[in-house]
Amino acid sequence: MMDLRISHAPEWKVRRLDDGGLALPLQISRGGQLLGTAELRLTLTAAEHLHATLCYALDGQSPPTAAPDCRKPIRYPGRRSG
């Protein structure tokens, strides 16, 4: 059985395509050895569906300390939180 792993390529950033879509960089490895890189190309509609799916999957989970700012609670001055 082939033990391939596909993961986000951390040194690359998501970029916009000429057609308005997005390209998500990926790396492919087997047994810890990098085999190559590729891009997952998404239309804006597909990217929105992926975003919504991830939001639902992450709902109720506390964000890790290294999470991006968009996952951290928003605190508004003068308002109660919660």
PDB file of N, CA and C in Angstrom:
ATOM      1  N   MET A   1       0.837  -1.183   0.000  1.00  0.00           N
ATOM      2  CA  MET A   1       0.000   0.000   0.000  1.00  0.00           C
ATOM      3  C   MET A   1       0.882   1.247   0.000  1.00  0.00           C
ATOM      4  N   MET A   2       0.529   2.219  -0.807  1.00  0.00           N
ATOM      5  CA  MET A   2       1.293   3.463  -0.865  1.00  0.00           C
ATOM      6  C   MET A   2       0.862   4.372   0.275  1.00  0.00           C
ATOM      7  N   ASP A   3       1.809   4.830   1.047  1.00  0.00           N
ATOM      8  CA  ASP A   3       1.545   5.698   2.184  1.00  0.00           C
ATOM      9  C   ASP A   3       1.827   7.145   1.794  1.00  0.00           C
ATOM     10  N   LEU A   4       0.991   7.694   0.921  1.00  0.00           N
ATOM     11  CA  LEU A   4       1.168   9.076   0.481  1.00  0.00           C
ATOM     12  C   LEU A   4       0.482  10.014   1.458  1.00  0.00           C
ATOM     13  N   ARG A   5       1.091  11.157   1.656  1.00  0.00           N
ATOM     14  CA  ARG A   5       0.510  12.191   2.509  1.00  0.00           C
ATOM     15  C   ARG A   5       0.484  13.491   1.718  1.00  0.00           C
ATOM     16  N   ILE A   6      -0.672  14.133   1.714  1.00  0.00           N
ATOM     17  CA  ILE A   6      -0.831  15.428   1.056  1.00  0.00           C
ATOM     18  C   ILE A   6      -1.132  16.436   2.151  1.00  0.00           C
ATOM     19  N   SER A   7      -0.344  17.502   2.207  1.00  0.00           N
ATOM     20  CA  SER A   7      -0.516  18.510   3.246  1.00  0.00           C
ATOM     21  C   SER A   7      -0.236  19.891   2.665  1.00  0.00           C
ATOM     22  N   HIS A   8      -0.624  20.910   3.426  1.00  0.00           N
ATOM     23  CA  HIS A   8      -0.370  22.289   3.009  1.00  0.00           C
ATOM     24  C   HIS A   8       1.131  22.534   2.996  1.00  0.00           C
ATOM     25  N   ALA A   9       1.605  23.164   1.955  1.00  0.00           N
ATOM     26  CA  ALA A   9       3.026  23.515   1.869  1.00  0.00           C
ATOM     27  C   ALA A   9       3.231  24.809   2.649  1.00  0.00           C
ATOM     28  N   PRO A  10       3.829  24.742   3.834  1.00  0.00           N
ATOM     29  CA  PRO A  10       3.885  25.905   4.722  1.00  0.00           C
ATOM     30  C   PRO A  10       4.670  27.091   4.180  1.00  0.00           C
ATOM     31  N   GLU A  11       5.604  26.869   3.293  1.00  0.00           N
ATOM     32  CA  GLU A  11       6.412  27.997   2.807  1.00  0.00           C
ATOM     33  C   GLU A  11       5.706  28.767   1.682  1.00  0.00           C
ATOM     34  N   TRP A  12       4.608  28.234   1.199  1.00  0.00           N
ATOM     35  CA  TRP A  12       3.861  28.905   0.137  1.00  0.00           C
ATOM     36  C   TRP A  12       2.642  29.586   0.717  1.00  0.00           C
ATOM     37  N   LYS A  13       2.169  30.605   0.030  1.00  0.00           N
ATOM     38  CA  LYS A  13       0.958  31.303   0.447  1.00  0.00           C
ATOM     39  C   LYS A  13      -0.147  31.044  -0.580  1.00  0.00           C
ATOM     40  N   VAL A  14      -1.395  31.050  -0.099  1.00  0.00           N
ATOM     41  CA  VAL A  14      -2.535  30.954  -1.014  1.00  0.00           C
ATOM     42  C   VAL A  14      -2.485  32.174  -1.913  1.00  0.00           C
ATOM     43  N   ARG A  15      -2.755  31.959  -3.196  1.00  0.00           N
ATOM     44  CA  ARG A  15      -2.700  33.096  -4.119  1.00  0.00           C
ATOM     45  C   ARG A  15      -3.929  33.133  -5.010  1.00  0.00           C
ATOM     46  N   ARG A  16      -4.218  34.329  -5.499  1.00  0.00           N
ATOM     47  CA  ARG A  16      -5.339  34.502  -6.436  1.00  0.00           C
ATOM     48  C   ARG A  16      -4.889  34.152  -7.844  1.00  0.00           C
ATOM     49  N   LEU A  17      -5.777  33.516  -8.569  1.00  0.00           N
ATOM     50  CA  LEU A  17      -5.518  33.163  -9.958  1.00  0.00           C
ATOM     51  C   LEU A  17      -6.068  34.251 -10.878  1.00  0.00           C
ATOM     52  N   ASP A  18      -5.619  34.266 -12.115  1.00  0.00           N
ATOM     53  CA  ASP A  18      -6.084  35.266 -13.081  1.00  0.00           C
ATOM     54  C   ASP A  18      -7.594  35.208 -13.297  1.00  0.00           C
ATOM     55  N   ASP A  19      -8.183  34.015 -13.135  1.00  0.00           N
ATOM     56  CA  ASP A  19      -9.633  33.873 -13.344  1.00  0.00           C
ATOM     57  C   ASP A  19     -10.439  34.206 -12.090  1.00  0.00           C
ATOM     58  N   GLY A  20      -9.756  34.678 -11.019  1.00  0.00           N
ATOM     59  CA  GLY A  20     -10.441  35.055  -9.791  1.00  0.00           C
ATOM     60  C   GLY A  20     -10.473  33.962  -8.747  1.00  0.00           C
ATOM     61  N   GLY A  21     -10.098  32.757  -9.114  1.00  0.00           N
ATOM     62  CA  GLY A  21     -10.075  31.652  -8.162  1.00  0.00           C
ATOM     63  C   GLY A  21      -8.875  31.738  -7.237  1.00  0.00           C
ATOM     64  N   LEU A  22      -8.692  30.692  -6.450  1.00  0.00           N
ATOM     65  CA  LEU A  22      -7.590  30.636  -5.503  1.00  0.00           C
ATOM     66  C   LEU A  22      -6.781  29.366  -5.726  1.00  0.00           C
ATOM     67  N   ALA A  23      -5.492  29.453  -5.445  1.00  0.00           N
ATOM     68  CA  ALA A  23      -4.608  28.292  -5.547  1.00  0.00           C
ATOM     69  C   ALA A  23      -4.020  28.029  -4.168  1.00  0.00           C
ATOM     70  N   LEU A  24      -4.263  26.824  -3.652  1.00  0.00           N
ATOM     71  CA  LEU A  24      -3.769  26.414  -2.342  1.00  0.00           C
ATOM     72  C   LEU A  24      -2.562  25.506  -2.554  1.00  0.00           C
ATOM     73  N   PRO A  25      -1.388  25.889  -2.065  1.00  0.00           N
ATOM     74  CA  PRO A  25      -0.189  25.079  -2.269  1.00  0.00           C
ATOM     75  C   PRO A  25      -0.206  23.820  -1.404  1.00  0.00           C
ATOM     76  N   LEU A  26       0.183  22.708  -1.996  1.00  0.00           N
ATOM     77  CA  LEU A  26       0.227  21.422  -1.311  1.00  0.00           C
ATOM     78  C   LEU A  26       1.576  20.765  -1.526  1.00  0.00           C
ATOM     79  N   GLN A  27       1.940  19.898  -0.601  1.00  0.00           N
ATOM     80  CA  GLN A  27       3.135  19.082  -0.801  1.00  0.00           C
ATOM     81  C   GLN A  27       2.747  17.616  -0.634  1.00  0.00           C
ATOM     82  N   ILE A  28       3.364  16.766  -1.418  1.00  0.00           N
ATOM     83  CA  ILE A  28       3.093  15.336  -1.406  1.00  0.00           C
ATOM     84  C   ILE A  28       4.340  14.629  -0.901  1.00  0.00           C
ATOM     85  N   SER A  29       4.160  13.764   0.100  1.00  0.00           N
ATOM     86  CA  SER A  29       5.301  13.038   0.662  1.00  0.00           C
ATOM     87  C   SER A  29       4.920  11.580   0.900  1.00  0.00           C
ATOM     88  N   ARG A  30       5.943  10.761   1.041  1.00  0.00           N
ATOM     89  CA  ARG A  30       5.764   9.343   1.377  1.00  0.00           C
ATOM     90  C   ARG A  30       6.876   8.973   2.340  1.00  0.00           C
ATOM     91  N   GLY A  31       6.482   8.427   3.480  1.00  0.00           N
ATOM     92  CA  GLY A  31       7.477   8.041   4.475  1.00  0.00           C
ATOM     93  C   GLY A  31       8.318   9.203   4.963  1.00  0.00           C
ATOM     94  N   GLY A  32       7.736  10.398   5.001  1.00  0.00           N
ATOM     95  CA  GLY A  32       8.467  11.573   5.462  1.00  0.00           C
ATOM     96  C   GLY A  32       9.350  12.219   4.416  1.00  0.00           C
ATOM     97  N   GLN A  33       9.415  11.632   3.212  1.00  0.00           N
ATOM     98  CA  GLN A  33      10.250  12.196   2.147  1.00  0.00           C
ATOM     99  C   GLN A  33       9.374  12.955   1.151  1.00  0.00           C
ATOM    100  N   LEU A  34       9.723  14.210   0.899  1.00  0.00           N
ATOM    101  CA  LEU A  34       8.976  15.043  -0.031  1.00  0.00           C
ATOM    102  C   LEU A  34       9.109  14.490  -1.439  1.00  0.00           C
ATOM    103  N   LEU A  35       7.969  14.247  -2.090  1.00  0.00           N
ATOM    104  CA  LEU A  35       7.968  13.769  -3.471  1.00  0.00           C
ATOM    105  C   LEU A  35       7.735  14.888  -4.473  1.00  0.00           C
ATOM    106  N   GLY A  36       6.952  15.884  -4.070  1.00  0.00           N
ATOM    107  CA  GLY A  36       6.680  16.978  -4.998  1.00  0.00           C
ATOM    108  C   GLY A  36       5.684  17.957  -4.420  1.00  0.00           C
ATOM    109  N   THR A  37       5.363  18.958  -5.204  1.00  0.00           N
ATOM    110  CA  THR A  37       4.406  19.984  -4.809  1.00  0.00           C
ATOM    111  C   THR A  37       3.351  20.115  -5.898  1.00  0.00           C
ATOM    112  N   ALA A  38       2.208  20.638  -5.516  1.00  0.00           N
ATOM    113  CA  ALA A  38       1.110  20.856  -6.454  1.00  0.00           C
ATOM    114  C   ALA A  38       0.226  21.957  -5.899  1.00  0.00           C
ATOM    115  N   GLU A  39      -0.722  22.417  -6.700  1.00  0.00           N
ATOM    116  CA  GLU A  39      -1.685  23.414  -6.248  1.00  0.00           C
ATOM    117  C   GLU A  39      -3.089  22.828  -6.354  1.00  0.00           C
ATOM    118  N   LEU A  40      -3.882  23.058  -5.324  1.00  0.00           N
ATOM    119  CA  LEU A  40      -5.307  22.780  -5.397  1.00  0.00           C
ATOM    120  C   LEU A  40      -5.943  24.076  -5.858  1.00  0.00           C
ATOM    121  N   ARG A  41      -6.534  24.061  -7.040  1.00  0.00           N
ATOM    122  CA  ARG A  41      -7.147  25.265  -7.599  1.00  0.00           C
ATOM    123  C   ARG A  41      -8.637  25.239  -7.341  1.00  0.00           C
ATOM    124  N   LEU A  42      -9.132  26.319  -6.750  1.00  0.00           N
ATOM    125  CA  LEU A  42     -10.533  26.413  -6.356  1.00  0.00           C
ATOM    126  C   LEU A  42     -11.185  27.635  -6.983  1.00  0.00           C
ATOM    127  N   THR A  43     -12.426  27.468  -7.465  1.00  0.00           N
ATOM    128  CA  THR A  43     -13.206  28.641  -7.850  1.00  0.00           C
ATOM    129  C   THR A  43     -13.575  29.363  -6.560  1.00  0.00           C
ATOM    130  N   LEU A  44     -14.038  30.599  -6.666  1.00  0.00           N
ATOM    131  CA  LEU A  44     -14.447  31.315  -5.465  1.00  0.00           C
ATOM    132  C   LEU A  44     -15.602  30.598  -4.773  1.00  0.00           C
ATOM    133  N   THR A  45     -16.517  30.030  -5.555  1.00  0.00           N
ATOM    134  CA  THR A  45     -17.631  29.278  -4.970  1.00  0.00           C
ATOM    135  C   THR A  45     -17.124  28.062  -4.211  1.00  0.00           C
ATOM    136  N   ALA A  46     -16.202  27.310  -4.803  1.00  0.00           N
ATOM    137  CA  ALA A  46     -15.639  26.138  -4.123  1.00  0.00           C
ATOM    138  C   ALA A  46     -14.869  26.558  -2.874  1.00  0.00           C
ATOM    139  N   ALA A  47     -14.145  27.674  -2.934  1.00  0.00           N
ATOM    140  CA  ALA A  47     -13.404  28.168  -1.772  1.00  0.00           C
ATOM    141  C   ALA A  47     -14.368  28.558  -0.648  1.00  0.00           C
ATOM    142  N   GLU A  48     -15.495  29.187  -0.993  1.00  0.00           N
ATOM    143  CA  GLU A  48     -16.500  29.554   0.015  1.00  0.00           C
ATOM    144  C   GLU A  48     -17.113  28.305   0.652  1.00  0.00           C
ATOM    145  N   HIS A  49     -17.378  27.282  -0.153  1.00  0.00           N
ATOM    146  CA  HIS A  49     -17.918  26.033   0.395  1.00  0.00           C
ATOM    147  C   HIS A  49     -16.910  25.370   1.329  1.00  0.00           C
ATOM    148  N   LEU A  50     -15.635  25.361   0.944  1.00  0.00           N
ATOM    149  CA  LEU A  50     -14.590  24.800   1.801  1.00  0.00           C
ATOM    150  C   LEU A  50     -14.494  25.597   3.100  1.00  0.00           C
ATOM    151  N   HIS A  51     -14.531  26.923   3.004  1.00  0.00           N
ATOM    152  CA  HIS A  51     -14.472  27.783   4.177  1.00  0.00           C
ATOM    153  C   HIS A  51     -15.633  27.480   5.127  1.00  0.00           C
ATOM    154  N   ALA A  52     -16.849  27.392   4.591  1.00  0.00           N
ATOM    155  CA  ALA A  52     -18.018  27.100   5.413  1.00  0.00           C
ATOM    156  C   ALA A  52     -17.908  25.723   6.064  1.00  0.00           C
ATOM    157  N   THR A  53     -17.450  24.741   5.315  1.00  0.00           N
ATOM    158  CA  THR A  53     -17.296  23.388   5.846  1.00  0.00           C
ATOM    159  C   THR A  53     -16.291  23.366   6.990  1.00  0.00           C
ATOM    160  N   LEU A  54     -15.182  24.071   6.826  1.00  0.00           N
ATOM    161  CA  LEU A  54     -14.180  24.137   7.892  1.00  0.00           C
ATOM    162  C   LEU A  54     -14.715  24.880   9.113  1.00  0.00           C
ATOM    163  N   CYS A  55     -15.486  25.945   8.892  1.00  0.00           N
ATOM    164  CA  CYS A  55     -16.073  26.676  10.018  1.00  0.00           C
ATOM    165  C   CYS A  55     -16.973  25.761  10.834  1.00  0.00           C
ATOM    166  N   TYR A  56     -17.829  24.988  10.162  1.00  0.00           N
ATOM    167  CA  TYR A  56     -18.699  24.053  10.880  1.00  0.00           C
ATOM    168  C   TYR A  56     -17.889  22.985  11.599  1.00  0.00           C
ATOM    169  N   ALA A  57     -16.848  22.488  10.970  1.00  0.00           N
ATOM    170  CA  ALA A  57     -16.019  21.444  11.582  1.00  0.00           C
ATOM    171  C   ALA A  57     -15.278  21.973  12.804  1.00  0.00           C
ATOM    172  N   LEU A  58     -14.894  23.253  12.797  1.00  0.00           N
ATOM    173  CA  LEU A  58     -14.145  23.842  13.906  1.00  0.00           C
ATOM    174  C   LEU A  58     -15.043  24.417  14.995  1.00  0.00           C
ATOM    175  N   ASP A  59     -16.342  24.490  14.747  1.00  0.00           N
ATOM    176  CA  ASP A  59     -17.270  25.088  15.700  1.00  0.00           C
ATOM    177  C   ASP A  59     -17.185  24.384  17.045  1.00  0.00           C
ATOM    178  N   GLY A  60     -17.048  25.166  18.089  1.00  0.00           N
ATOM    179  CA  GLY A  60     -16.979  24.623  19.437  1.00  0.00           C
ATOM    180  C   GLY A  60     -15.585  24.213  19.875  1.00  0.00           C
ATOM    181  N   GLN A  61     -14.630  24.259  18.969  1.00  0.00           N
ATOM    182  CA  GLN A  61     -13.252  23.905  19.301  1.00  0.00           C
ATOM    183  C   GLN A  61     -12.506  25.166  19.722  1.00  0.00           C
ATOM    184  N   SER A  62     -11.755  25.069  20.780  1.00  0.00           N
ATOM    185  CA  SER A  62     -10.915  26.201  21.179  1.00  0.00           C
ATOM    186  C   SER A  62      -9.746  26.307  20.211  1.00  0.00           C
ATOM    187  N   PRO A  63      -9.468  27.512  19.718  1.00  0.00           N
ATOM    188  CA  PRO A  63      -8.352  27.650  18.785  1.00  0.00           C
ATOM    189  C   PRO A  63      -7.021  27.436  19.486  1.00  0.00           C
ATOM    190  N   PRO A  64      -6.058  26.817  18.805  1.00  0.00           N
ATOM    191  CA  PRO A  64      -4.727  26.672  19.393  1.00  0.00           C
ATOM    192  C   PRO A  64      -4.063  28.039  19.529  1.00  0.00           C
ATOM    193  N   THR A  65      -3.052  28.129  20.357  1.00  0.00           N
ATOM    194  CA  THR A  65      -2.387  29.413  20.589  1.00  0.00           C
ATOM    195  C   THR A  65      -1.775  29.988  19.316  1.00  0.00           C
ATOM    196  N   ALA A  66      -1.383  29.144  18.376  1.00  0.00           N
ATOM    197  CA  ALA A  66      -0.777  29.621  17.131  1.00  0.00           C
ATOM    198  C   ALA A  66      -1.806  29.892  16.040  1.00  0.00           C
ATOM    199  N   ALA A  67      -3.090  29.877  16.393  1.00  0.00           N
ATOM    200  CA  ALA A  67      -4.149  30.088  15.395  1.00  0.00           C
ATOM    201  C   ALA A  67      -4.095  31.511  14.846  1.00  0.00           C
ATOM    202  N   PRO A  68      -4.544  31.696  13.607  1.00  0.00           N
ATOM    203  CA  PRO A  68      -4.588  33.053  13.053  1.00  0.00           C
ATOM    204  C   PRO A  68      -5.604  33.915  13.810  1.00  0.00           C
ATOM    205  N   ASP A  69      -5.453  35.224  13.687  1.00  0.00           N
ATOM    206  CA  ASP A  69      -6.315  36.158  14.410  1.00  0.00           C
ATOM    207  C   ASP A  69      -7.801  35.926  14.145  1.00  0.00           C
ATOM    208  N   CYS A  70      -8.165  35.491  12.944  1.00  0.00           N
ATOM    209  CA  CYS A  70      -9.584  35.322  12.632  1.00  0.00           C
ATOM    210  C   CYS A  70     -10.232  34.218  13.455  1.00  0.00           C
ATOM    211  N   ARG A  71      -9.456  33.361  14.105  1.00  0.00           N
ATOM    212  CA  ARG A  71     -10.000  32.294  14.957  1.00  0.00           C
ATOM    213  C   ARG A  71     -10.060  32.708  16.421  1.00  0.00           C
ATOM    214  N   LYS A  72      -9.505  33.852  16.761  1.00  0.00           N
ATOM    215  CA  LYS A  72      -9.490  34.294  18.146  1.00  0.00           C
ATOM    216  C   LYS A  72     -10.762  35.080  18.448  1.00  0.00           C
ATOM    217  N   PRO A  73     -11.237  35.028  19.710  1.00  0.00           N
ATOM    218  CA  PRO A  73     -12.456  35.751  20.061  1.00  0.00           C
ATOM    219  C   PRO A  73     -12.314  37.248  19.797  1.00  0.00           C
ATOM    220  N   ILE A  74     -13.394  37.843  19.358  1.00  0.00           N
ATOM    221  CA  ILE A  74     -13.425  39.290  19.123  1.00  0.00           C
ATOM    222  C   ILE A  74     -13.930  39.960  20.386  1.00  0.00           C
ATOM    223  N   ARG A  75     -13.210  40.953  20.834  1.00  0.00           N
ATOM    224  CA  ARG A  75     -13.620  41.702  22.025  1.00  0.00           C
ATOM    225  C   ARG A  75     -13.888  43.144  21.594  1.00  0.00           C
ATOM    226  N   TYR A  76     -15.104  43.570  21.869  1.00  0.00           N
ATOM    227  CA  TYR A  76     -15.505  44.924  21.515  1.00  0.00           C
ATOM    228  C   TYR A  76     -15.425  45.811  22.757  1.00  0.00           C
ATOM    229  N   PRO A  77     -14.795  46.975  22.655  1.00  0.00           N
ATOM    230  CA  PRO A  77     -14.707  47.883  23.810  1.00  0.00           C
ATOM    231  C   PRO A  77     -16.110  48.270  24.282  1.00  0.00           C
ATOM    232  N   GLY A  78     -16.308  48.207  25.597  1.00  0.00           N
ATOM    233  CA  GLY A  78     -17.579  48.633  26.167  1.00  0.00           C
ATOM    234  C   GLY A  78     -18.690  47.611  26.086  1.00  0.00           C
ATOM    235  N   ARG A  79     -18.435  46.432  25.557  1.00  0.00           N
ATOM    236  CA  ARG A  79     -19.458  45.389  25.450  1.00  0.00           C
ATOM    237  C   ARG A  79     -19.054  44.187  26.274  1.00  0.00           C
ATOM    238  N   ARG A  80     -20.071  43.492  26.742  1.00  0.00           N
ATOM    239  CA  ARG A  80     -19.800  42.257  27.460  1.00  0.00           C
ATOM    240  C   ARG A  80     -19.436  41.172  26.457  1.00  0.00           C
ATOM    241  N   SER A  81     -18.494  40.323  26.814  1.00  0.00           N
ATOM    242  CA  SER A  81     -18.151  39.200  25.947  1.00  0.00           C
ATOM    243  C   SER A  81     -19.021  38.024  26.328  1.00  0.00           C
ATOM    244  N   GLY A  82     -19.219  37.110  25.372  1.00  0.00           N
ATOM    245  CA  GLY A  82     -19.956  35.895  25.682  1.00  0.00           C
ATOM    246  C   GLY A  82     -21.315  36.011  25.209  1.00  0.00           C
TER     247      GLY A  82
END
